């Protein structure tokens, strides 16, 4: 696990928030009856999971990455957990978000 300075933590939180916003955008499409819309959303989901893993690989095992690919709701929970982890680090350093 790497120790991040305040700037790195802020950048990490920003990246995770972007991933979370993108995930919220595709959530409804993952429930679509339209095969093309659903497939595009699945591809976007996998891309977001890969982006998430690139941001958090030092903090989570590959097995969680694989589980996030299979389960969108689990992926959303992981994003929230990662955001809380990095936000707690900022608070511990006396930084305000």
Foldseek 3Di string as FASTA:
>chain_A
DDDDDPVLLVVLLVQLVVLLVQLVVLVVLCVDPDVVSNVVSLVSQLVSLVSNCVSQVVPDPVVLSVVCSVDVVSVNVVSVVVNVVSVVVCVVVVHDD
